[in-house]
Amino acid sequence: MSAEYMHIGIPVTNRKPGMTYNEGAKFWVSNVDDYDYKIEYLKFEEGTPFPEEIHRNPHVAYKVDNLEKYIADADSVICGPMPANDKDRLAFVWKDGAILELYEAN
């Protein structure tokens, strides 16, 4: 198994400059390259399919080589696997008291 750090995701209640809106999932997101330390700010709107746990807690995102293996190693699954775009997939899990975003690029 191989995991590579991508970013830390921090939920916010007010939009930050430069955030873009994801209409399908009803949330605002910043570009991780706009901030030192690869920070992704997220503002969720009412009706988003993401669980409340993701709205209220930060997460650390990793690019993984095999999503299923990492999900099997997690303490529990919050949501996913789900499509991230046309070819990639992601899942959010609890592992050792932290929320992890697992991102598999294909």
PDB file of N, CA and C in Angstrom:
ATOM      1  N   MET A   1       0.845  -1.183   0.000  1.00  0.00           N
ATOM      2  CA  MET A   1       0.000   0.000   0.000  1.00  0.00           C
ATOM      3  C   MET A   1       0.888   1.242   0.000  1.00  0.00           C
ATOM      4  N   SER A   2       0.382   2.284  -0.640  1.00  0.00           N
ATOM      5  CA  SER A   2       1.139   3.526  -0.729  1.00  0.00           C
ATOM      6  C   SER A   2       0.190   4.709  -0.626  1.00  0.00           C
ATOM      7  N   ALA A   3       0.499   5.658   0.277  1.00  0.00           N
ATOM      8  CA  ALA A   3      -0.327   6.854   0.458  1.00  0.00           C
ATOM      9  C   ALA A   3       0.561   8.091   0.370  1.00  0.00           C
ATOM     10  N   GLU A   4       0.062   9.107  -0.332  1.00  0.00           N
ATOM     11  CA  GLU A   4       0.795  10.354  -0.512  1.00  0.00           C
ATOM     12  C   GLU A   4      -0.077  11.515  -0.028  1.00  0.00           C
ATOM     13  N   TYR A   5       0.476  12.341   0.851  1.00  0.00           N
ATOM     14  CA  TYR A   5      -0.270  13.488   1.383  1.00  0.00           C
ATOM     15  C   TYR A   5      -0.728  14.400   0.257  1.00  0.00           C
ATOM     16  N   MET A   6      -1.999  14.832   0.304  1.00  0.00           N
ATOM     17  CA  MET A   6      -2.542  15.773  -0.678  1.00  0.00           C
ATOM     18  C   MET A   6      -2.866  17.137  -0.052  1.00  0.00           C
ATOM     19  N   HIS A   7      -3.680  17.138   1.015  1.00  0.00           N
ATOM     20  CA  HIS A   7      -4.094  18.391   1.651  1.00  0.00           C
ATOM     21  C   HIS A   7      -4.771  18.120   2.984  1.00  0.00           C
ATOM     22  N   ILE A   8      -4.992  19.200   3.723  1.00  0.00           N
ATOM     23  CA  ILE A   8      -5.862  19.150   4.888  1.00  0.00           C
ATOM     24  C   ILE A   8      -7.127  19.907   4.511  1.00  0.00           C
ATOM     25  N   GLY A   9      -8.280  19.358   4.824  1.00  0.00           N
ATOM     26  CA  GLY A   9      -9.557  19.987   4.526  1.00  0.00           C
ATOM     27  C   GLY A   9     -10.155  20.571   5.789  1.00  0.00           C
ATOM     28  N   ILE A  10     -10.514  21.841   5.731  1.00  0.00           N
ATOM     29  CA  ILE A  10     -11.052  22.528   6.898  1.00  0.00           C
ATOM     30  C   ILE A  10     -12.419  23.109   6.552  1.00  0.00           C
ATOM     31  N   PRO A  11     -13.474  22.655   7.234  1.00  0.00           N
ATOM     32  CA  PRO A  11     -14.793  23.233   6.997  1.00  0.00           C
ATOM     33  C   PRO A  11     -14.865  24.648   7.570  1.00  0.00           C
ATOM     34  N   VAL A  12     -15.529  25.550   6.839  1.00  0.00           N
ATOM     35  CA  VAL A  12     -15.708  26.936   7.278  1.00  0.00           C
ATOM     36  C   VAL A  12     -17.182  27.305   7.137  1.00  0.00           C
ATOM     37  N   THR A  13     -17.592  28.355   7.832  1.00  0.00           N
ATOM     38  CA  THR A  13     -18.978  28.801   7.746  1.00  0.00           C
ATOM     39  C   THR A  13     -19.140  29.989   6.802  1.00  0.00           C
ATOM     40  N   ASN A  14     -18.048  30.658   6.481  1.00  0.00           N
ATOM     41  CA  ASN A  14     -18.082  31.778   5.536  1.00  0.00           C
ATOM     42  C   ASN A  14     -17.166  31.474   4.358  1.00  0.00           C
ATOM     43  N   ARG A  15     -17.616  31.847   3.155  1.00  0.00           N
ATOM     44  CA  ARG A  15     -16.793  31.609   1.965  1.00  0.00           C
ATOM     45  C   ARG A  15     -15.524  32.429   1.998  1.00  0.00           C
ATOM     46  N   LYS A  16     -14.469  31.815   1.494  1.00  0.00           N
ATOM     47  CA  LYS A  16     -13.180  32.483   1.336  1.00  0.00           C
ATOM     48  C   LYS A  16     -13.067  32.978  -0.104  1.00  0.00           C
ATOM     49  N   PRO A  17     -12.260  34.014  -0.344  1.00  0.00           N
ATOM     50  CA  PRO A  17     -12.069  34.498  -1.716  1.00  0.00           C
ATOM     51  C   PRO A  17     -11.544  33.384  -2.623  1.00  0.00           C
ATOM     52  N   GLY A  18     -12.055  33.335  -3.835  1.00  0.00           N
ATOM     53  CA  GLY A  18     -11.564  32.382  -4.822  1.00  0.00           C
ATOM     54  C   GLY A  18     -12.180  31.003  -4.763  1.00  0.00           C
ATOM     55  N   MET A  19     -13.114  30.766  -3.843  1.00  0.00           N
ATOM     56  CA  MET A  19     -13.749  29.448  -3.770  1.00  0.00           C
ATOM     57  C   MET A  19     -14.625  29.226  -5.001  1.00  0.00           C
ATOM     58  N   THR A  20     -14.722  27.973  -5.411  1.00  0.00           N
ATOM     59  CA  THR A  20     -15.595  27.614  -6.526  1.00  0.00           C
ATOM     60  C   THR A  20     -16.725  26.730  -6.004  1.00  0.00           C
ATOM     61  N   TYR A  21     -17.830  26.777  -6.699  1.00  0.00           N
ATOM     62  CA  TYR A  21     -19.024  26.049  -6.259  1.00  0.00           C
ATOM     63  C   TYR A  21     -19.179  24.751  -7.031  1.00  0.00           C
ATOM     64  N   ASN A  22     -19.436  23.667  -6.309  1.00  0.00           N
ATOM     65  CA  ASN A  22     -19.748  22.374  -6.903  1.00  0.00           C
ATOM     66  C   ASN A  22     -21.262  22.211  -6.827  1.00  0.00           C
ATOM     67  N   GLU A  23     -21.921  22.474  -7.943  1.00  0.00           N
ATOM     68  CA  GLU A  23     -23.391  22.466  -7.998  1.00  0.00           C
ATOM     69  C   GLU A  23     -23.972  21.101  -7.626  1.00  0.00           C
ATOM     70  N   GLY A  24     -23.380  20.029  -8.151  1.00  0.00           N
ATOM     71  CA  GLY A  24     -23.910  18.695  -7.915  1.00  0.00           C
ATOM     72  C   GLY A  24     -23.861  18.271  -6.458  1.00  0.00           C
ATOM     73  N   ALA A  25     -22.803  18.640  -5.758  1.00  0.00           N
ATOM     74  CA  ALA A  25     -22.630  18.233  -4.361  1.00  0.00           C
ATOM     75  C   ALA A  25     -22.936  19.358  -3.374  1.00  0.00           C
ATOM     76  N   LYS A  26     -23.288  20.524  -3.867  1.00  0.00           N
ATOM     77  CA  LYS A  26     -23.709  21.664  -3.051  1.00  0.00           C
ATOM     78  C   LYS A  26     -22.697  22.049  -1.972  1.00  0.00           C
ATOM     79  N   PHE A  27     -21.484  22.356  -2.430  1.00  0.00           N
ATOM     80  CA  PHE A  27     -20.479  22.877  -1.508  1.00  0.00           C
ATOM     81  C   PHE A  27     -19.524  23.790  -2.256  1.00  0.00           C
ATOM     82  N   TRP A  28     -18.900  24.675  -1.510  1.00  0.00           N
ATOM     83  CA  TRP A  28     -17.860  25.577  -2.008  1.00  0.00           C
ATOM     84  C   TRP A  28     -16.515  25.001  -1.606  1.00  0.00           C
ATOM     85  N   VAL A  29     -15.501  25.169  -2.455  1.00  0.00           N
ATOM     86  CA  VAL A  29     -14.176  24.626  -2.162  1.00  0.00           C
ATOM     87  C   VAL A  29     -13.099  25.591  -2.663  1.00  0.00           C
ATOM     88  N   SER A  30     -12.043  25.707  -1.882  1.00  0.00           N
ATOM     89  CA  SER A  30     -10.899  26.526  -2.290  1.00  0.00           C
ATOM     90  C   SER A  30      -9.904  25.655  -3.046  1.00  0.00           C
ATOM     91  N   ASN A  31      -9.003  26.307  -3.739  1.00  0.00           N
ATOM     92  CA  ASN A  31      -7.911  25.618  -4.426  1.00  0.00           C
ATOM     93  C   ASN A  31      -6.779  25.423  -3.412  1.00  0.00           C
ATOM     94  N   VAL A  32      -6.342  24.194  -3.219  1.00  0.00           N
ATOM     95  CA  VAL A  32      -5.309  23.921  -2.210  1.00  0.00           C
ATOM     96  C   VAL A  32      -4.003  24.647  -2.502  1.00  0.00           C
ATOM     97  N   ASP A  33      -3.750  24.970  -3.757  1.00  0.00           N
ATOM     98  CA  ASP A  33      -2.505  25.650  -4.102  1.00  0.00           C
ATOM     99  C   ASP A  33      -2.543  27.152  -3.812  1.00  0.00           C
ATOM    100  N   ASP A  34      -3.713  27.674  -3.412  1.00  0.00           N
ATOM    101  CA  ASP A  34      -3.826  29.084  -3.046  1.00  0.00           C
ATOM    102  C   ASP A  34      -3.340  29.360  -1.625  1.00  0.00           C
ATOM    103  N   TYR A  35      -3.105  28.309  -0.848  1.00  0.00           N
ATOM    104  CA  TYR A  35      -2.746  28.455   0.569  1.00  0.00           C
ATOM    105  C   TYR A  35      -1.492  27.655   0.888  1.00  0.00           C
ATOM    106  N   ASP A  36      -0.666  28.221   1.756  1.00  0.00           N
ATOM    107  CA  ASP A  36       0.476  27.469   2.260  1.00  0.00           C
ATOM    108  C   ASP A  36      -0.039  26.221   2.971  1.00  0.00           C
ATOM    109  N   TYR A  37       0.748  25.208   3.003  1.00  0.00           N
ATOM    110  CA  TYR A  37       0.451  23.949   3.690  1.00  0.00           C
ATOM    111  C   TYR A  37      -0.665  23.153   3.026  1.00  0.00           C
ATOM    112  N   LYS A  38      -1.020  23.496   1.760  1.00  0.00           N
ATOM    113  CA  LYS A  38      -2.023  22.719   1.021  1.00  0.00           C
ATOM    114  C   LYS A  38      -3.340  22.609   1.801  1.00  0.00           C
ATOM    115  N   ILE A  39      -3.920  23.735   2.146  1.00  0.00           N
ATOM    116  CA  ILE A  39      -5.189  23.766   2.870  1.00  0.00           C
ATOM    117  C   ILE A  39      -6.341  23.869   1.876  1.00  0.00           C
ATOM    118  N   GLU A  40      -7.353  23.040   2.087  1.00  0.00           N
ATOM    119  CA  GLU A  40      -8.593  23.085   1.307  1.00  0.00           C
ATOM    120  C   GLU A  40      -9.704  23.525   2.257  1.00  0.00           C
ATOM    121  N   TYR A  41     -10.282  24.699   1.979  1.00  0.00           N
ATOM    122  CA  TYR A  41     -11.413  25.171   2.772  1.00  0.00           C
ATOM    123  C   TYR A  41     -12.695  24.718   2.093  1.00  0.00           C
ATOM    124  N   LEU A  42     -13.659  24.276   2.897  1.00  0.00           N
ATOM    125  CA  LEU A  42     -14.926  23.757   2.387  1.00  0.00           C
ATOM    126  C   LEU A  42     -16.084  24.439   3.111  1.00  0.00           C
ATOM    127  N   LYS A  43     -17.052  24.888   2.338  1.00  0.00           N
ATOM    128  CA  LYS A  43     -18.289  25.433   2.914  1.00  0.00           C
ATOM    129  C   LYS A  43     -19.446  24.653   2.311  1.00  0.00           C
ATOM    130  N   PHE A  44     -20.138  23.905   3.144  1.00  0.00           N
ATOM    131  CA  PHE A  44     -21.230  23.053   2.694  1.00  0.00           C
ATOM    132  C   PHE A  44     -22.546  23.807   2.745  1.00  0.00           C
ATOM    133  N   GLU A  45     -23.374  23.587   1.724  1.00  0.00           N
ATOM    134  CA  GLU A  45     -24.699  24.203   1.637  1.00  0.00           C
ATOM    135  C   GLU A  45     -25.763  23.183   2.054  1.00  0.00           C
ATOM    136  N   GLU A  46     -26.931  23.686   2.399  1.00  0.00           N
ATOM    137  CA  GLU A  46     -28.034  22.804   2.741  1.00  0.00           C
ATOM    138  C   GLU A  46     -28.339  21.889   1.551  1.00  0.00           C
ATOM    139  N   GLY A  47     -28.547  20.614   1.847  1.00  0.00           N
ATOM    140  CA  GLY A  47     -28.852  19.647   0.808  1.00  0.00           C
ATOM    141  C   GLY A  47     -27.641  18.931   0.237  1.00  0.00           C
ATOM    142  N   THR A  48     -26.443  19.246   0.743  1.00  0.00           N
ATOM    143  CA  THR A  48     -25.264  18.528   0.284  1.00  0.00           C
ATOM    144  C   THR A  48     -25.375  17.047   0.659  1.00  0.00           C
ATOM    145  N   PRO A  49     -24.890  16.150  -0.201  1.00  0.00           N
ATOM    146  CA  PRO A  49     -24.949  14.732   0.138  1.00  0.00           C
ATOM    147  C   PRO A  49     -23.876  14.300   1.149  1.00  0.00           C
ATOM    148  N   PHE A  50     -22.935  15.186   1.466  1.00  0.00           N
ATOM    149  CA  PHE A  50     -21.881  14.808   2.410  1.00  0.00           C
ATOM    150  C   PHE A  50     -22.416  14.774   3.835  1.00  0.00           C
ATOM    151  N   PRO A  51     -22.064  13.748   4.604  1.00  0.00           N
ATOM    152  CA  PRO A  51     -22.545  13.611   5.976  1.00  0.00           C
ATOM    153  C   PRO A  51     -22.078  14.757   6.883  1.00  0.00           C
ATOM    154  N   GLU A  52     -22.827  14.969   7.927  1.00  0.00           N
ATOM    155  CA  GLU A  52     -22.560  16.033   8.900  1.00  0.00           C
ATOM    156  C   GLU A  52     -21.143  15.943   9.474  1.00  0.00           C
ATOM    157  N   GLU A  53     -20.625  14.754   9.647  1.00  0.00           N
ATOM    158  CA  GLU A  53     -19.264  14.593  10.175  1.00  0.00           C
ATOM    159  C   GLU A  53     -18.238  15.369   9.339  1.00  0.00           C
ATOM    160  N   ILE A  54     -18.444  15.394   8.025  1.00  0.00           N
ATOM    161  CA  ILE A  54     -17.522  16.083   7.123  1.00  0.00           C
ATOM    162  C   ILE A  54     -17.700  17.599   7.234  1.00  0.00           C
ATOM    163  N   HIS A  55     -18.919  18.051   7.516  1.00  0.00           N
ATOM    164  CA  HIS A  55     -19.208  19.493   7.640  1.00  0.00           C
ATOM    165  C   HIS A  55     -18.550  20.110   8.860  1.00  0.00           C
ATOM    166  N   ARG A  56     -18.349  19.311   9.890  1.00  0.00           N
ATOM    167  CA  ARG A  56     -17.949  19.839  11.202  1.00  0.00           C
ATOM    168  C   ARG A  56     -16.518  19.521  11.625  1.00  0.00           C
ATOM    169  N   ASN A  57     -15.859  18.642  10.891  1.00  0.00           N
ATOM    170  CA  ASN A  57     -14.526  18.187  11.307  1.00  0.00           C
ATOM    171  C   ASN A  57     -13.523  18.312  10.161  1.00  0.00           C
ATOM    172  N   PRO A  58     -12.291  18.675  10.482  1.00  0.00           N
ATOM    173  CA  PRO A  58     -11.251  18.679   9.451  1.00  0.00           C
ATOM    174  C   PRO A  58     -10.910  17.255   9.026  1.00  0.00           C
ATOM    175  N   HIS A  59     -10.302  17.147   7.855  1.00  0.00           N
ATOM    176  CA  HIS A  59      -9.846  15.852   7.381  1.00  0.00           C
ATOM    177  C   HIS A  59      -8.469  16.009   6.736  1.00  0.00           C
ATOM    178  N   VAL A  60      -7.757  14.909   6.637  1.00  0.00           N
ATOM    179  CA  VAL A  60      -6.483  14.879   5.930  1.00  0.00           C
ATOM    180  C   VAL A  60      -6.671  13.981   4.713  1.00  0.00           C
ATOM    181  N   ALA A  61      -6.272  14.492   3.546  1.00  0.00           N
ATOM    182  CA  ALA A  61      -6.470  13.757   2.296  1.00  0.00           C
ATOM    183  C   ALA A  61      -5.171  13.112   1.828  1.00  0.00           C
ATOM    184  N   TYR A  62      -5.311  11.871   1.384  1.00  0.00           N
ATOM    185  CA  TYR A  62      -4.188  11.117   0.846  1.00  0.00           C
ATOM    186  C   TYR A  62      -4.558  10.528  -0.501  1.00  0.00           C
ATOM    187  N   LYS A  63      -3.644  10.583  -1.426  1.00  0.00           N
ATOM    188  CA  LYS A  63      -3.768   9.865  -2.684  1.00  0.00           C
ATOM    189  C   LYS A  63      -3.291   8.445  -2.404  1.00  0.00           C
ATOM    190  N   VAL A  64      -4.115   7.466  -2.743  1.00  0.00           N
ATOM    191  CA  VAL A  64      -3.794   6.073  -2.451  1.00  0.00           C
ATOM    192  C   VAL A  64      -3.763   5.258  -3.740  1.00  0.00           C
ATOM    193  N   ASP A  65      -3.017   4.176  -3.695  1.00  0.00           N
ATOM    194  CA  ASP A  65      -2.888   3.325  -4.874  1.00  0.00           C
ATOM    195  C   ASP A  65      -3.981   2.275  -4.972  1.00  0.00           C
ATOM    196  N   ASN A  66      -4.670   1.981  -3.866  1.00  0.00           N
ATOM    197  CA  ASN A  66      -5.721   0.971  -3.870  1.00  0.00           C
ATOM    198  C   ASN A  66      -6.766   1.349  -2.830  1.00  0.00           C
ATOM    199  N   LEU A  67      -7.846   1.959  -3.282  1.00  0.00           N
ATOM    200  CA  LEU A  67      -8.874   2.466  -2.382  1.00  0.00           C
ATOM    201  C   LEU A  67      -9.464   1.375  -1.496  1.00  0.00           C
ATOM    202  N   GLU A  68      -9.750   0.224  -2.057  1.00  0.00           N
ATOM    203  CA  GLU A  68     -10.367  -0.855  -1.289  1.00  0.00           C
ATOM    204  C   GLU A  68      -9.493  -1.322  -0.126  1.00  0.00           C
ATOM    205  N   LYS A  69      -8.197  -1.416  -0.344  1.00  0.00           N
ATOM    206  CA  LYS A  69      -7.297  -1.847   0.738  1.00  0.00           C
ATOM    207  C   LYS A  69      -7.305  -0.851   1.893  1.00  0.00           C
ATOM    208  N   TYR A  70      -7.288   0.434   1.582  1.00  0.00           N
ATOM    209  CA  TYR A  70      -7.314   1.452   2.640  1.00  0.00           C
ATOM    210  C   TYR A  70      -8.657   1.505   3.347  1.00  0.00           C
ATOM    211  N   ILE A  71      -9.734   1.308   2.612  1.00  0.00           N
ATOM    212  CA  ILE A  71     -11.057   1.260   3.247  1.00  0.00           C
ATOM    213  C   ILE A  71     -11.131   0.067   4.197  1.00  0.00           C
ATOM    214  N   ALA A  72     -10.605  -1.072   3.781  1.00  0.00           N
ATOM    215  CA  ALA A  72     -10.612  -2.266   4.627  1.00  0.00           C
ATOM    216  C   ALA A  72      -9.798  -2.054   5.898  1.00  0.00           C
ATOM    217  N   ASP A  73      -8.784  -1.201   5.837  1.00  0.00           N
ATOM    218  CA  ASP A  73      -7.924  -0.920   6.988  1.00  0.00           C
ATOM    219  C   ASP A  73      -8.506   0.153   7.911  1.00  0.00           C
ATOM    220  N   ALA A  74      -9.550   0.845   7.481  1.00  0.00           N
ATOM    221  CA  ALA A  74     -10.133   1.936   8.266  1.00  0.00           C
ATOM    222  C   ALA A  74     -10.937   1.392   9.439  1.00  0.00           C
ATOM    223  N   ASP A  75     -11.138   2.247  10.444  1.00  0.00           N
ATOM    224  CA  ASP A  75     -11.979   1.871  11.581  1.00  0.00           C
ATOM    225  C   ASP A  75     -13.449   1.839  11.176  1.00  0.00           C
ATOM    226  N   SER A  76     -13.869   2.808  10.342  1.00  0.00           N
ATOM    227  CA  SER A  76     -15.228   2.823   9.796  1.00  0.00           C
ATOM    228  C   SER A  76     -15.262   3.733   8.574  1.00  0.00           C
ATOM    229  N   VAL A  77     -16.281   3.530   7.752  1.00  0.00           N
ATOM    230  CA  VAL A  77     -16.459   4.334   6.543  1.00  0.00           C
ATOM    231  C   VAL A  77     -17.515   5.394   6.813  1.00  0.00           C
ATOM    232  N   ILE A  78     -17.192   6.644   6.503  1.00  0.00           N
ATOM    233  CA  ILE A  78     -18.150   7.740   6.643  1.00  0.00           C
ATOM    234  C   ILE A  78     -19.003   7.815   5.383  1.00  0.00           C
ATOM    235  N   CYS A  79     -18.361   7.844   4.225  1.00  0.00           N
ATOM    236  CA  CYS A  79     -19.080   7.820   2.950  1.00  0.00           C
ATOM    237  C   CYS A  79     -18.143   7.384   1.836  1.00  0.00           C
ATOM    238  N   GLY A  80     -18.734   6.827   0.787  1.00  0.00           N
ATOM    239  CA  GLY A  80     -17.967   6.355  -0.353  1.00  0.00           C
ATOM    240  C   GLY A  80     -17.800   4.855  -0.312  1.00  0.00           C
ATOM    241  N   PRO A  81     -17.085   4.344  -1.301  1.00  0.00           N
ATOM    242  CA  PRO A  81     -16.443   5.076  -2.385  1.00  0.00           C
ATOM    243  C   PRO A  81     -17.473   5.729  -3.313  1.00  0.00           C
ATOM    244  N   MET A  82     -17.027   6.839  -3.914  1.00  0.00           N
ATOM    245  CA  MET A  82     -17.859   7.604  -4.834  1.00  0.00           C
ATOM    246  C   MET A  82     -16.972   8.203  -5.909  1.00  0.00           C
ATOM    247  N   PRO A  83     -17.555   8.550  -7.052  1.00  0.00           N
ATOM    248  CA  PRO A  83     -16.752   9.188  -8.097  1.00  0.00           C
ATOM    249  C   PRO A  83     -16.281  10.575  -7.649  1.00  0.00           C
ATOM    250  N   ALA A  84     -15.033  10.883  -7.948  1.00  0.00           N
ATOM    251  CA  ALA A  84     -14.499  12.225  -7.711  1.00  0.00           C
ATOM    252  C   ALA A  84     -14.605  13.051  -8.984  1.00  0.00           C
ATOM    253  N   ASN A  85     -14.554  12.372 -10.105  1.00  0.00           N
ATOM    254  CA  ASN A  85     -14.698  12.971 -11.443  1.00  0.00           C
ATOM    255  C   ASN A  85     -14.976  11.816 -12.404  1.00  0.00           C
ATOM    256  N   ASP A  86     -14.671  11.978 -13.663  1.00  0.00           N
ATOM    257  CA  ASP A  86     -14.974  10.930 -14.648  1.00  0.00           C
ATOM    258  C   ASP A  86     -14.197   9.631 -14.441  1.00  0.00           C
ATOM    259  N   LYS A  87     -13.029   9.696 -13.786  1.00  0.00           N
ATOM    260  CA  LYS A  87     -12.219   8.481 -13.667  1.00  0.00           C
ATOM    261  C   LYS A  87     -11.713   8.185 -12.257  1.00  0.00           C
ATOM    262  N   ASP A  88     -11.648   9.173 -11.386  1.00  0.00           N
ATOM    263  CA  ASP A  88     -11.104   8.976 -10.043  1.00  0.00           C
ATOM    264  C   ASP A  88     -12.213   8.710  -9.029  1.00  0.00           C
ATOM    265  N   ARG A  89     -11.829   8.108  -7.889  1.00  0.00           N
ATOM    266  CA  ARG A  89     -12.782   7.796  -6.822  1.00  0.00           C
ATOM    267  C   ARG A  89     -12.240   8.267  -5.486  1.00  0.00           C
ATOM    268  N   LEU A  90     -13.164   8.467  -4.530  1.00  0.00           N
ATOM    269  CA  LEU A  90     -12.739   8.841  -3.192  1.00  0.00           C
ATOM    270  C   LEU A  90     -13.677   8.264  -2.152  1.00  0.00           C
ATOM    271  N   ALA A  91     -13.206   8.265  -0.916  1.00  0.00           N
ATOM    272  CA  ALA A  91     -14.004   7.846   0.233  1.00  0.00           C
ATOM    273  C   ALA A  91     -13.508   8.625   1.444  1.00  0.00           C
ATOM    274  N   PHE A  92     -14.384   8.818   2.414  1.00  0.00           N
ATOM    275  CA  PHE A  92     -14.015   9.406   3.700  1.00  0.00           C
ATOM    276  C   PHE A  92     -14.176   8.331   4.756  1.00  0.00           C
ATOM    277  N   VAL A  93     -13.149   8.182   5.603  1.00  0.00           N
ATOM    278  CA  VAL A  93     -13.147   7.139   6.624  1.00  0.00           C
ATOM    279  C   VAL A  93     -12.640   7.702   7.951  1.00  0.00           C
ATOM    280  N   TRP A  94     -12.976   6.987   9.023  1.00  0.00           N
ATOM    281  CA  TRP A  94     -12.349   7.233  10.320  1.00  0.00           C
ATOM    282  C   TRP A  94     -11.180   6.263  10.450  1.00  0.00           C
ATOM    283  N   LYS A  95     -10.031   6.770  10.879  1.00  0.00           N
ATOM    284  CA  LYS A  95      -8.860   5.926  11.138  1.00  0.00           C
ATOM    285  C   LYS A  95      -8.101   6.537  12.315  1.00  0.00           C
ATOM    286  N   ASP A  96      -7.983   5.791  13.389  1.00  0.00           N
ATOM    287  CA  ASP A  96      -7.237   6.236  14.578  1.00  0.00           C
ATOM    288  C   ASP A  96      -7.705   7.598  15.078  1.00  0.00           C
ATOM    289  N   GLY A  97      -9.024   7.831  15.086  1.00  0.00           N
ATOM    290  CA  GLY A  97      -9.585   9.062  15.629  1.00  0.00           C
ATOM    291  C   GLY A  97      -9.563  10.254  14.692  1.00  0.00           C
ATOM    292  N   ALA A  98      -9.155  10.056  13.444  1.00  0.00           N
ATOM    293  CA  ALA A  98      -9.084  11.150  12.480  1.00  0.00           C
ATOM    294  C   ALA A  98      -9.907  10.797  11.243  1.00  0.00           C
ATOM    295  N   ILE A  99     -10.427  11.845  10.591  1.00  0.00           N
ATOM    296  CA  ILE A  99     -11.106  11.635   9.318  1.00  0.00           C
ATOM    297  C   ILE A  99     -10.072  11.728   8.209  1.00  0.00           C
ATOM    298  N   LEU A 100     -10.059  10.714   7.367  1.00  0.00           N
ATOM    299  CA  LEU A 100      -9.158  10.689   6.214  1.00  0.00           C
ATOM    300  C   LEU A 100      -9.992  10.690   4.937  1.00  0.00           C
ATOM    301  N   GLU A 101      -9.560  11.472   3.975  1.00  0.00           N
ATOM    302  CA  GLU A 101     -10.090  11.381   2.614  1.00  0.00           C
ATOM    303  C   GLU A 101      -9.115  10.502   1.846  1.00  0.00           C
ATOM    304  N   LEU A 102      -9.608   9.454   1.262  1.00  0.00           N
ATOM    305  CA  LEU A 102      -8.774   8.553   0.453  1.00  0.00           C
ATOM    306  C   LEU A 102      -9.135   8.795  -0.994  1.00  0.00           C
ATOM    307  N   TYR A 103      -8.145   9.131  -1.792  1.00  0.00           N
ATOM    308  CA  TYR A 103      -8.372   9.524  -3.186  1.00  0.00           C
ATOM    309  C   TYR A 103      -7.574   8.598  -4.093  1.00  0.00           C
ATOM    310  N   GLU A 104      -8.282   7.892  -4.961  1.00  0.00           N
ATOM    311  CA  GLU A 104      -7.627   6.988  -5.904  1.00  0.00           C
ATOM    312  C   GLU A 104      -7.731   7.571  -7.315  1.00  0.00           C
ATOM    313  N   ALA A 105      -6.590   7.911  -7.898  1.00  0.00           N
ATOM    314  CA  ALA A 105      -6.537   8.435  -9.260  1.00  0.00           C
ATOM    315  C   ALA A 105      -6.311   7.287 -10.236  1.00  0.00           C
ATOM    316  N   ASN A 106      -7.093   7.271 -11.274  1.00  0.00           N
ATOM    317  CA  ASN A 106      -6.962   6.198 -12.274  1.00  0.00           C
ATOM    318  C   ASN A 106      -6.488   6.728 -13.600  1.00  0.00           C
TER     319      ASN A 106
END
